């Protein structure tokens, strides 16, 4: 029997108010969990998928990681003869593209503008990465197959709201191993998703079911599944947890749960009682990518102290056969919540099994835990879109329509990047993006105008950074109804098209 149903007390607290992490559990579990990790392979691990995902991640991360070392080489020779020629040679070798000629040409006057050049390289690398996404994207599981599975579990839509922290940017594709095109993902600081926005999406889905029969007809006995994902750090829980909640794991989990309950209550109050809503709360250890699943009861209620931990499940099923391991996962779910519905059991079992592959992924490619347990994002993404960002610690995302509405999320991101970049004299790159549906008349122009308004608001809100050349903005959009790459509207540095493709 798996020892994974966590309901416990600690110190002098009463039941129901215990901390989420058991005292001493980290060291005890990790010694068993991580022994011999270099040759780890769980029986339920998808080895081929792990290989493909790592190849994709490695390629993108190396491209961004090469920027600073390459620019350091160029900075060191800026007063040598034939500087421009030599700089382009170094850039082609280290980055794979040319640098803007006008920035290099002005270096002889005073100093090479390294801040501008850094931002330009970040934006250009992002643009290349996006262009390649539609030919080399890590899609994996077929979206149609997943839709069929989801409906078999009794759900017609999966709507996930993780924290905007860049360490959760890969939640859908890597941690949970779900096809991005089949899942709605919108990130918010602290997983504090916009209830009104989620209501609007629920209405849109229900209307689509009624009018178009997609993803199924309105009379089908399925429900809308809303998931919130908070996060914590097992290596440094007091400092590397959720910044929006002061690295307080319980506070982060409680806030996400309350937001889920508010969403369900809002739907029921606005439409009808029991209006096809199910909820699920997930916690993510950003150091190991293991998850906690707070299994709901028959009424959909969840308890912060009742959850399954996939680290435990990994250890206790690692020596079993495939069938026995799956059977034990099902048993663990029932033990955690005896009256959980059959459909939710089936769905949670899939998430857990998928996550076991990600645990293997981290162990084999990164070791005991990720080396970057803290923030290491490369840029901030603001607006609507970014489906191509499915990589950990690459982008901090602030979902917003206007800077005023998304001020809290943006302020958290700016605060993070002041530590990552500004303290080292580097600017904060911000990509403002508003994807649109090209079949809607005027949608592209409205997206362009929204980009411009948000970019202007950013420069006004963070004027001190802009005046010091410490914040740069790239404005882009993409037509969701086509397979075309992103379109660049404007850039505060230079034309991103200036590089060599």
Protein backbone atom coordinates (compact mmCIF):
# COMPACT_ATOMS: atom_id res chain seq x y z
CA UNK A 1 0.00 0.00 0.00
CA UNK A 2 1.48 3.38 -0.98
CA UNK A 3 2.22 5.75 1.87
CA UNK A 4 1.09 8.82 -0.03
CA UNK A 5 -2.08 10.13 1.59
CA UNK A 6 -0.72 13.07 3.57
CA UNK A 7 -2.93 13.94 6.52
CA UNK A 8 -0.79 14.80 9.48
CA UNK A 9 -0.05 17.05 12.44
CA UNK A 10 3.25 18.63 13.39
CA UNK A 11 4.64 20.65 16.29
CA UNK A 12 1.62 21.59 18.44
CA UNK A 13 -0.82 22.24 15.63
CA UNK A 14 -4.18 20.56 15.39
CA UNK A 15 -5.34 18.38 12.53
CA UNK A 16 -6.20 20.34 9.42
CA UNK A 17 -3.68 23.11 10.16
CA UNK A 18 -0.45 21.17 9.70
CA UNK A 19 2.27 22.41 7.37
CA UNK A 20 2.26 20.84 3.93
CA UNK A 21 5.79 19.42 4.27
CA UNK A 22 6.35 16.83 6.95
CA UNK A 23 9.25 17.69 9.31
CA UNK A 24 12.36 15.79 8.23
CA UNK A 25 10.68 14.37 5.14
CA UNK A 26 12.97 16.04 2.62
CA UNK A 27 16.24 14.50 3.79
CA UNK A 28 14.71 11.09 4.41
CA UNK A 29 12.97 10.82 1.06
CA UNK A 30 15.73 12.41 -0.98
CA UNK A 31 18.36 9.94 0.20
CA UNK A 32 16.22 7.10 -1.12
CA UNK A 33 14.74 8.99 -4.02
CA UNK A 34 18.00 10.21 -5.53
CA UNK A 35 20.33 7.25 -4.93
CA UNK A 36 21.84 6.11 -8.21
CA UNK A 37 19.94 8.75 -10.18
CA UNK A 38 22.31 8.64 -13.15
CA UNK A 39 20.73 5.41 -14.37
CA UNK A 40 17.15 6.03 -13.30
CA UNK A 41 14.34 4.55 -15.34
CA UNK A 42 10.90 4.08 -13.85
CA UNK A 43 8.87 1.29 -15.48
CA UNK A 44 6.20 3.83 -16.53
CA UNK A 45 8.72 6.28 -17.99
CA UNK A 46 8.35 7.23 -21.66
CA UNK A 47 12.02 7.09 -22.66
CA UNK A 48 11.58 8.20 -26.27
CA UNK A 49 9.59 11.25 -25.22
CA UNK A 50 12.17 12.17 -22.60
CA UNK A 51 14.91 12.02 -25.23
CA UNK A 52 12.98 14.24 -27.64
CA UNK A 53 11.99 16.77 -25.01
CA UNK A 54 15.55 17.06 -23.73
CA UNK A 55 16.90 17.61 -27.23
CA UNK A 56 14.42 20.43 -27.72
CA UNK A 57 15.07 22.06 -24.34
CA UNK A 58 18.83 21.78 -24.68
CA UNK A 59 18.83 23.48 -28.08
CA UNK A 60 16.76 26.47 -26.93
CA UNK A 61 18.45 26.94 -23.55
CA UNK A 62 21.93 26.83 -25.11
CA UNK A 63 20.94 29.51 -27.61
CA UNK A 64 19.98 31.93 -24.82
CA UNK A 65 22.89 30.91 -22.59
CA UNK A 66 25.38 31.76 -25.35
CA UNK A 67 24.40 35.44 -25.46
CA UNK A 68 26.33 36.78 -22.46
CA UNK A 69 29.61 34.88 -23.12
CA UNK A 70 29.53 35.92 -26.76
CA UNK A 71 28.90 39.58 -25.94
CA UNK A 72 31.73 39.50 -23.40
CA UNK A 73 34.11 38.41 -26.16
CA UNK A 74 32.89 41.21 -28.39
CA UNK A 75 33.13 43.80 -25.62
CA UNK A 76 36.77 42.88 -25.04
CA UNK A 77 37.79 43.78 -28.61
CA UNK A 78 35.66 46.88 -29.22
CA UNK A 79 38.69 49.18 -29.68
CA UNK A 80 40.70 46.86 -31.90
CA UNK A 81 41.19 47.46 -35.64
CA UNK A 82 38.54 45.82 -37.83
CA UNK A 83 36.26 45.61 -34.79
CA UNK A 84 33.04 45.34 -36.75
CA UNK A 85 34.33 42.50 -38.91
CA UNK A 86 35.72 40.59 -35.92
CA UNK A 87 32.56 41.17 -33.88
CA UNK A 88 30.39 39.69 -36.62
CA UNK A 89 32.67 36.66 -36.84
CA UNK A 90 32.35 36.09 -33.09
CA UNK A 91 28.56 36.55 -33.26
CA UNK A 92 28.14 34.09 -36.13
CA UNK A 93 30.23 31.50 -34.33
CA UNK A 94 28.66 31.94 -30.88
CA UNK A 95 25.09 32.90 -31.73
CA UNK A 96 24.50 31.85 -35.33
CA UNK A 97 23.46 35.28 -36.58
CA UNK A 98 24.82 38.74 -37.38
CA UNK A 99 24.46 41.71 -35.05
CA UNK A 100 22.88 45.02 -36.14
CA UNK A 101 25.50 47.01 -38.03
CA UNK A 102 24.50 50.42 -36.72
CA UNK A 103 25.09 49.44 -33.06
CA UNK A 104 28.55 48.11 -33.91
CA UNK A 105 29.37 51.08 -36.13
CA UNK A 106 28.75 53.56 -33.30
CA UNK A 107 31.15 51.83 -30.89
CA UNK A 108 34.15 53.98 -31.86
CA UNK A 109 32.45 57.19 -30.69
CA UNK A 110 32.30 56.30 -27.00
CA UNK A 111 31.56 52.74 -25.91
CA UNK A 112 29.74 49.81 -27.44
CA UNK A 113 26.15 50.00 -26.18
CA UNK A 114 26.11 46.59 -24.50
CA UNK A 115 22.67 47.07 -22.97
CA UNK A 116 21.10 47.68 -26.34
CA UNK A 117 23.03 44.84 -27.88
CA UNK A 118 22.04 42.45 -25.09
CA UNK A 119 18.34 43.25 -25.46
CA UNK A 120 18.57 42.94 -29.25
CA UNK A 121 20.16 39.48 -28.97
CA UNK A 122 17.51 38.34 -26.50
CA UNK A 123 14.70 39.49 -28.77
CA UNK A 124 16.25 38.05 -31.91
CA UNK A 125 16.85 34.68 -30.24
CA UNK A 126 13.25 34.68 -29.04
CA UNK A 127 12.08 35.43 -32.57
CA UNK A 128 14.15 32.55 -34.02
CA UNK A 129 12.86 30.23 -31.32
CA UNK A 130 9.26 31.14 -32.15
CA UNK A 131 9.81 30.72 -35.89
CA UNK A 132 11.16 27.21 -35.32
CA UNK A 133 8.41 26.21 -32.89
CA UNK A 134 5.94 25.23 -35.58
CA UNK A 135 8.43 22.91 -37.28
CA UNK A 136 10.21 21.47 -34.25
CA UNK A 137 7.74 21.96 -31.40
CA UNK A 138 7.58 19.31 -28.67
CA UNK A 139 3.92 18.42 -29.21
CA UNK A 140 4.10 14.76 -28.25
CA UNK A 141 0.67 13.36 -27.47
CA UNK A 142 -1.99 13.83 -30.11
CA UNK A 143 -4.49 16.52 -29.13
CA UNK A 144 -7.43 14.56 -30.55
CA UNK A 145 -6.48 11.47 -28.56
CA UNK A 146 -6.26 13.55 -25.41
CA UNK A 147 -9.67 15.12 -26.08
CA UNK A 148 -11.15 11.63 -26.32
CA UNK A 149 -9.45 10.62 -23.07
CA UNK A 150 -10.64 13.78 -21.33
CA UNK A 151 -14.24 13.14 -22.34
CA UNK A 152 -13.93 9.52 -21.23
CA UNK A 153 -13.03 10.90 -17.79
CA UNK A 154 -16.21 13.01 -17.84
CA UNK A 155 -14.67 16.38 -18.76
CA UNK A 156 -14.97 18.40 -21.95
CA UNK A 157 -12.44 21.18 -21.20
CA UNK A 158 -9.20 21.37 -19.22
CA UNK A 159 -8.39 24.91 -18.07
CA UNK A 160 -5.12 25.28 -16.11
CA UNK A 161 -3.95 28.38 -14.25
CA UNK A 162 -0.40 28.01 -12.95
CA UNK A 163 1.66 30.66 -11.22
CA UNK A 164 3.37 33.07 -13.63
CA UNK A 165 6.76 32.06 -12.21
CA UNK A 166 9.02 30.94 -15.06
CA UNK A 167 9.80 27.73 -13.21
CA UNK A 168 6.26 26.58 -14.07
CA UNK A 169 6.27 27.63 -17.73
CA UNK A 170 6.76 23.99 -18.76
CA UNK A 171 3.94 22.71 -16.58
CA UNK A 172 1.70 21.54 -19.42
CA UNK A 173 4.17 20.00 -21.84
CA UNK A 174 6.84 18.67 -19.49
CA UNK A 175 5.62 18.33 -15.89
CA UNK A 176 2.16 16.99 -16.77
CA UNK A 177 3.02 15.76 -20.29
CA UNK A 178 -0.15 17.10 -21.90
CA UNK A 179 -0.54 18.38 -25.49
CA UNK A 180 -0.48 22.21 -25.31
CA UNK A 181 -3.07 22.64 -28.06
CA UNK A 182 -5.62 20.62 -26.08
CA UNK A 183 -5.23 22.59 -22.84
CA UNK A 184 -6.11 26.17 -21.98
CA UNK A 185 -3.26 27.69 -19.97
CA UNK A 186 -3.22 31.18 -18.49
CA UNK A 187 -0.65 32.10 -15.86
CA UNK A 188 -1.02 34.58 -13.01
CA UNK A 189 1.28 35.61 -10.17
CA UNK A 190 0.64 33.26 -7.28
CA UNK A 191 -1.84 31.26 -9.42
CA UNK A 192 -4.37 33.97 -8.53
CA UNK A 193 -6.28 33.66 -11.77
CA UNK A 194 -8.88 36.16 -12.93
CA UNK A 195 -12.26 34.68 -11.99
CA UNK A 196 -14.14 36.88 -14.46
CA UNK A 197 -11.86 35.82 -17.30
CA UNK A 198 -12.43 32.15 -16.42
CA UNK A 199 -16.19 32.76 -16.35
CA UNK A 200 -15.97 34.30 -19.80
CA UNK A 201 -14.09 31.24 -21.06
CA UNK A 202 -16.67 28.90 -19.51
CA UNK A 203 -19.46 30.80 -21.27
CA UNK A 204 -17.53 30.66 -24.56
CA UNK A 205 -17.05 26.90 -24.25
CA UNK A 206 -20.69 26.27 -23.37
CA UNK A 207 -21.86 28.39 -26.31
CA UNK A 208 -19.51 26.52 -28.61
CA UNK A 209 -20.87 23.20 -27.37
CA UNK A 210 -24.43 24.41 -27.92
CA UNK A 211 -23.89 25.99 -31.35
CA UNK A 212 -21.14 23.85 -32.87
CA UNK A 213 -21.07 20.63 -30.88
CA UNK A 214 -17.39 21.22 -30.02
CA UNK A 215 -15.66 19.65 -28.18
CA UNK A 216 -18.91 17.78 -27.61
CA UNK A 217 -22.60 18.60 -27.56
CA UNK A 218 -24.19 20.62 -24.77
CA UNK A 219 -26.30 17.67 -23.59
CA UNK A 220 -23.25 15.43 -23.04
CA UNK A 221 -22.75 14.48 -19.39
CA UNK A 222 -19.32 16.08 -19.08
CA UNK A 223 -17.95 18.88 -16.93
CA UNK A 224 -15.57 21.84 -17.20
CA UNK A 225 -12.37 21.05 -15.26
CA UNK A 226 -10.53 24.01 -13.75
CA UNK A 227 -7.04 23.37 -12.34
CA UNK A 228 -4.88 25.74 -10.30
CA UNK A 229 -1.17 25.01 -9.82
CA UNK A 230 0.76 26.60 -6.95
CA UNK A 231 4.43 25.86 -6.33
CA UNK A 232 7.05 25.37 -3.65
CA UNK A 233 10.74 24.54 -3.25
CA UNK A 234 11.91 21.39 -1.49
CA UNK A 235 15.56 22.52 -1.48
CA UNK A 236 15.06 26.04 -0.09
CA UNK A 237 11.40 26.35 0.94
CA UNK A 238 11.79 29.61 2.85
CA UNK A 239 13.39 31.56 0.01
CA UNK A 240 12.68 29.88 -3.35
CA UNK A 241 8.95 29.32 -3.08
CA UNK A 242 6.29 31.54 -4.64
CA UNK A 243 7.39 35.18 -4.58
CA UNK A 244 3.79 36.36 -4.74
CA UNK A 245 3.09 34.62 -1.41
CA UNK A 246 6.39 35.29 0.35
CA UNK A 247 7.61 31.69 -0.17
CA UNK A 248 4.84 30.52 2.17
CA UNK A 249 3.72 27.19 0.70
CA UNK A 250 0.55 26.89 2.70
CA UNK A 251 -0.46 30.44 1.89
CA UNK A 252 0.12 29.78 -1.82
CA UNK A 253 -1.94 26.58 -1.73
CA UNK A 254 -4.74 28.18 0.29
CA UNK A 255 -4.97 31.17 -2.05
CA UNK A 256 -5.16 28.96 -5.14
CA UNK A 257 -7.82 26.77 -3.54
CA UNK A 258 -9.90 29.79 -2.55
CA UNK A 259 -9.71 31.13 -6.09
CA UNK A 260 -10.95 27.77 -7.44
CA UNK A 261 -13.87 27.72 -5.02
CA UNK A 262 -14.74 31.33 -5.91
CA UNK A 263 -14.82 30.43 -9.59
CA UNK A 264 -17.19 27.50 -9.06
CA UNK A 265 -19.41 29.57 -6.79
CA UNK A 266 -19.53 32.39 -9.33
CA UNK A 267 -20.64 30.03 -12.10
CA UNK A 268 -23.32 28.46 -9.92
CA UNK A 269 -24.59 31.84 -8.70
CA UNK A 270 -24.68 33.28 -12.22
CA UNK A 271 -26.16 30.35 -14.11
CA UNK A 272 -27.41 27.36 -12.15
CA UNK A 273 -26.56 25.12 -9.25
CA UNK A 274 -24.02 22.46 -10.17
CA UNK A 275 -23.25 24.09 -13.53
CA UNK A 276 -20.80 21.52 -14.84
CA UNK A 277 -17.72 22.58 -12.87
CA UNK A 278 -15.04 20.35 -11.36
CA UNK A 279 -11.93 21.59 -9.57
CA UNK A 280 -8.43 20.26 -8.99
CA UNK A 281 -5.52 21.73 -7.00
CA UNK A 282 -1.93 20.76 -7.84
CA UNK A 283 1.33 21.73 -6.17
CA UNK A 284 4.60 21.68 -8.09
CA UNK A 285 8.05 21.28 -6.55
CA UNK A 286 10.03 23.57 -8.86
CA UNK A 287 13.30 21.89 -7.82
CA UNK A 288 12.39 18.35 -8.91
CA UNK A 289 9.19 18.77 -10.97
CA UNK A 290 7.38 16.27 -8.76
CA UNK A 291 3.78 17.20 -7.98
CA UNK A 292 1.25 17.07 -5.18
CA UNK A 293 -2.29 16.25 -6.24
CA UNK A 294 -5.00 17.29 -3.79
CA UNK A 295 -7.54 14.58 -4.54
CA UNK A 296 -11.14 15.85 -4.27
CA UNK A 297 -13.96 13.90 -2.64
CA UNK A 298 -17.28 12.99 -4.27
CA UNK A 299 -18.52 16.57 -3.78
CA UNK A 300 -15.40 18.05 -5.35
CA UNK A 301 -14.08 19.34 -2.02
CA UNK A 302 -10.31 19.36 -1.40
CA UNK A 303 -8.17 19.55 1.73
CA UNK A 304 -4.74 21.18 1.83
CA UNK A 305 -3.45 18.35 4.03
CA UNK A 306 -4.82 15.54 1.85
CA UNK A 307 -2.72 14.97 -1.23
CA UNK A 308 -0.62 12.49 -3.18
CA UNK A 309 3.09 13.16 -3.61
CA UNK A 310 4.59 11.72 -6.79
CA UNK A 311 8.05 11.53 -5.20
CA UNK A 312 6.65 8.95 -2.81
CA UNK A 313 4.84 7.16 -5.61
CA UNK A 314 8.00 7.11 -7.72
CA UNK A 315 10.03 5.43 -4.98
CA UNK A 316 7.40 2.89 -4.03
CA UNK A 317 6.53 1.77 -7.57
CA UNK A 318 10.00 1.95 -9.12
CA UNK A 319 10.63 -1.79 -8.77
CA UNK A 320 7.19 -2.94 -9.91
CA UNK A 321 6.03 -4.03 -13.33
CA UNK A 322 3.93 -1.71 -15.46
CA UNK A 323 0.57 -3.27 -14.54
CA UNK A 324 1.37 -3.45 -10.83
CA UNK A 325 2.65 0.15 -10.78
CA UNK A 326 -0.56 1.40 -12.38
CA UNK A 327 -2.65 -0.64 -9.99
CA UNK A 328 -0.80 0.85 -7.02
CA UNK A 329 -1.38 4.38 -8.33
CA UNK A 330 -5.12 3.70 -8.47
CA UNK A 331 -5.04 2.24 -4.98
CA UNK A 332 -3.20 5.31 -3.68
CA UNK A 333 -5.80 7.65 -5.16
CA UNK A 334 -8.61 5.72 -3.48
CA UNK A 335 -6.72 5.69 -0.19
CA UNK A 336 -6.28 9.46 -0.37
CA UNK A 337 -9.99 10.05 -1.03
CA UNK A 338 -12.19 6.98 -0.86
CA UNK A 339 -15.20 8.53 -2.60
CA UNK A 340 -13.41 10.35 -5.42
CA UNK A 341 -15.32 9.90 -8.69
CA UNK A 342 -14.22 7.29 -11.20
CA UNK A 343 -13.57 9.91 -13.88
CA UNK A 344 -11.42 12.06 -11.62
CA UNK A 345 -9.53 8.94 -10.52
CA UNK A 346 -8.78 8.10 -14.13
CA UNK A 347 -7.63 11.64 -14.88
CA UNK A 348 -5.41 11.93 -11.80
CA UNK A 349 -3.87 8.53 -12.53
CA UNK A 350 -2.85 9.81 -15.98
CA UNK A 351 -1.31 12.96 -14.51
CA UNK A 352 0.66 10.96 -11.96
CA UNK A 353 1.93 8.47 -14.51
CA UNK A 354 2.92 11.30 -16.85
CA UNK A 355 4.74 13.07 -14.05
CA UNK A 356 6.81 9.98 -13.28
CA UNK A 357 8.42 10.40 -16.70
CA UNK A 358 9.27 14.01 -15.80
CA UNK A 359 10.81 12.93 -12.51
CA UNK A 360 13.03 10.56 -14.49
CA UNK A 361 13.78 13.42 -16.89
CA UNK A 362 15.07 15.68 -14.12
CA UNK A 363 17.06 12.94 -12.41
CA UNK A 364 18.82 11.81 -15.56
CA UNK A 365 19.51 15.21 -17.11
CA UNK A 366 19.93 17.47 -14.09
CA UNK A 367 20.67 15.25 -11.10
CA UNK A 368 19.25 15.49 -7.59
CA UNK A 369 17.43 18.67 -8.56
CA UNK A 370 17.64 21.48 -11.09
CA UNK A 371 20.83 23.52 -10.67
CA UNK A 372 18.79 26.74 -11.01
CA UNK A 373 16.41 26.29 -8.11
CA UNK A 374 15.77 30.04 -8.11
CA UNK A 375 14.66 32.40 -10.84
CA UNK A 376 16.72 32.29 -14.03
CA UNK A 377 14.25 33.59 -16.61
CA UNK A 378 15.59 35.32 -19.72
CA UNK A 379 12.74 37.73 -20.42
CA UNK A 380 9.26 38.84 -19.37
CA UNK A 381 6.27 38.00 -21.54
CA UNK A 382 3.26 40.29 -21.18
CA UNK A 383 -0.12 40.09 -22.88
CA UNK A 384 -2.01 37.16 -24.38
CA UNK A 385 -0.46 34.21 -26.20
CA UNK A 386 2.98 32.60 -25.81
CA UNK A 387 1.78 29.05 -26.50
CA UNK A 388 5.28 28.36 -27.82
CA UNK A 389 6.83 28.90 -24.38
CA UNK A 390 6.83 25.40 -22.92
CA UNK A 391 10.24 25.52 -21.26
CA UNK A 392 11.16 25.94 -17.60
CA UNK A 393 12.72 29.17 -16.36
CA UNK A 394 12.81 30.79 -19.80
CA UNK A 395 10.10 33.44 -19.40
CA UNK A 396 8.20 35.12 -16.59
CA UNK A 397 4.65 35.56 -17.88
CA UNK A 398 2.19 38.29 -16.97
CA UNK A 399 -1.24 37.72 -18.52
CA UNK A 400 -2.87 41.09 -19.06
CA UNK A 401 -5.11 43.19 -21.28
CA UNK A 402 -3.80 46.46 -19.88
CA UNK A 403 -0.82 47.25 -17.65
CA UNK A 404 -3.18 48.69 -15.03
CA UNK A 405 -5.11 45.39 -14.78
CA UNK A 406 -1.92 43.33 -14.72
CA UNK A 407 0.11 45.72 -12.56
CA UNK A 408 0.58 43.24 -9.71
CA UNK A 409 1.91 40.51 -12.01
CA UNK A 410 4.17 42.95 -13.87
CA UNK A 411 5.56 44.40 -10.65
CA UNK A 412 6.48 40.91 -9.44
CA UNK A 413 8.24 40.23 -12.75
CA UNK A 414 10.12 43.53 -12.70
CA UNK A 415 11.19 42.87 -9.12
CA UNK A 416 12.53 39.45 -10.12
CA UNK A 417 14.43 40.88 -13.09
CA UNK A 418 15.94 43.69 -11.07
CA UNK A 419 17.72 40.91 -9.22
CA UNK A 420 18.51 38.86 -12.32
CA UNK A 421 19.57 41.63 -14.72
CA UNK A 422 19.56 45.18 -13.41
CA UNK A 423 21.93 44.48 -10.51
CA UNK A 424 24.44 43.35 -13.15
CA UNK A 425 23.85 46.37 -15.36
CA UNK A 426 21.77 44.45 -17.90
CA UNK A 427 18.37 45.61 -19.20
CA UNK A 428 15.06 43.82 -18.71
CA UNK A 429 13.73 42.45 -22.02
CA UNK A 430 9.92 42.51 -22.22
CA UNK A 431 7.99 40.87 -25.05
CA UNK A 432 4.50 42.35 -25.40
CA UNK A 433 2.32 39.94 -27.35
CA UNK A 434 -1.35 39.81 -28.28
CA UNK A 435 -2.36 36.84 -30.41
CA UNK A 436 -5.54 37.25 -32.43
CA UNK A 437 -7.93 35.35 -34.70
CA UNK A 438 -7.31 36.37 -38.28
CA UNK A 439 -10.80 35.33 -39.38
CA UNK A 440 -12.21 38.19 -37.30
CA UNK A 441 -12.24 41.45 -39.31
CA UNK A 442 -9.89 44.07 -37.89
CA UNK A 443 -8.38 41.70 -35.31
CA UNK A 444 -4.79 42.21 -36.45
CA UNK A 445 -5.02 45.99 -36.25
CA UNK A 446 -6.58 45.82 -32.81
CA UNK A 447 -3.76 43.50 -31.67
CA UNK A 448 -1.21 45.99 -33.01
CA UNK A 449 -2.90 48.84 -31.15
CA UNK A 450 -3.05 46.85 -27.91
CA UNK A 451 0.66 46.10 -28.20
CA UNK A 452 1.37 49.79 -28.64
CA UNK A 453 -0.77 50.84 -25.70
CA UNK A 454 0.78 48.30 -23.35
CA UNK A 455 4.32 49.15 -24.50
CA UNK A 456 3.65 52.83 -23.87
CA UNK A 457 2.15 52.11 -20.45
CA UNK A 458 5.21 50.01 -19.53
CA UNK A 459 7.60 52.82 -20.41
CA UNK A 460 5.56 55.21 -18.29
CA UNK A 461 5.16 52.88 -15.30
CA UNK A 462 8.85 51.95 -15.28
CA UNK A 463 10.21 55.26 -16.57
CA UNK A 464 13.25 55.14 -14.27
CA UNK A 465 14.40 51.89 -15.88
CA UNK A 466 13.68 53.11 -19.42
CA UNK A 467 15.60 56.35 -18.85
CA UNK A 468 18.65 54.32 -17.85
CA UNK A 469 18.40 52.06 -20.91
CA UNK A 470 17.46 49.22 -18.53
CA UNK A 471 14.13 48.17 -20.05
CA UNK A 472 13.43 47.33 -23.68
CA UNK A 473 10.19 46.20 -25.30
CA UNK A 474 9.46 44.04 -28.33
CA UNK A 475 5.88 44.14 -29.70
CA UNK A 476 4.63 41.02 -31.50
CA UNK A 477 1.45 39.13 -32.36
CA UNK A 478 0.40 35.94 -34.09
CA UNK A 479 -2.64 34.86 -36.04
CA UNK A 480 -4.05 31.89 -34.09
CA UNK A 481 -5.97 30.74 -37.16
CA UNK A 482 -2.84 30.07 -39.20
CA UNK A 483 0.47 28.27 -38.82
CA UNK A 484 2.42 31.43 -39.56
CA UNK A 485 5.07 32.59 -37.06
CA UNK A 486 4.83 35.71 -34.96
CA UNK A 487 4.71 39.13 -36.61
CA UNK A 488 6.88 41.94 -35.23
CA UNK A 489 5.19 45.33 -34.89
CA UNK A 490 7.87 47.38 -33.14
CA UNK A 491 11.01 47.15 -31.02
CA UNK A 492 12.63 49.71 -28.72
CA UNK A 493 16.12 48.50 -29.68
CA UNK A 494 16.33 48.00 -33.43
CA UNK A 495 14.64 46.11 -36.24
CA UNK A 496 14.81 42.44 -35.26
CA UNK A 497 14.79 41.57 -38.95
CA UNK A 498 18.26 43.11 -39.22
CA UNK A 499 19.96 39.81 -38.36
CA UNK A 500 20.82 37.01 -40.74
CA UNK A 501 18.25 34.20 -40.84
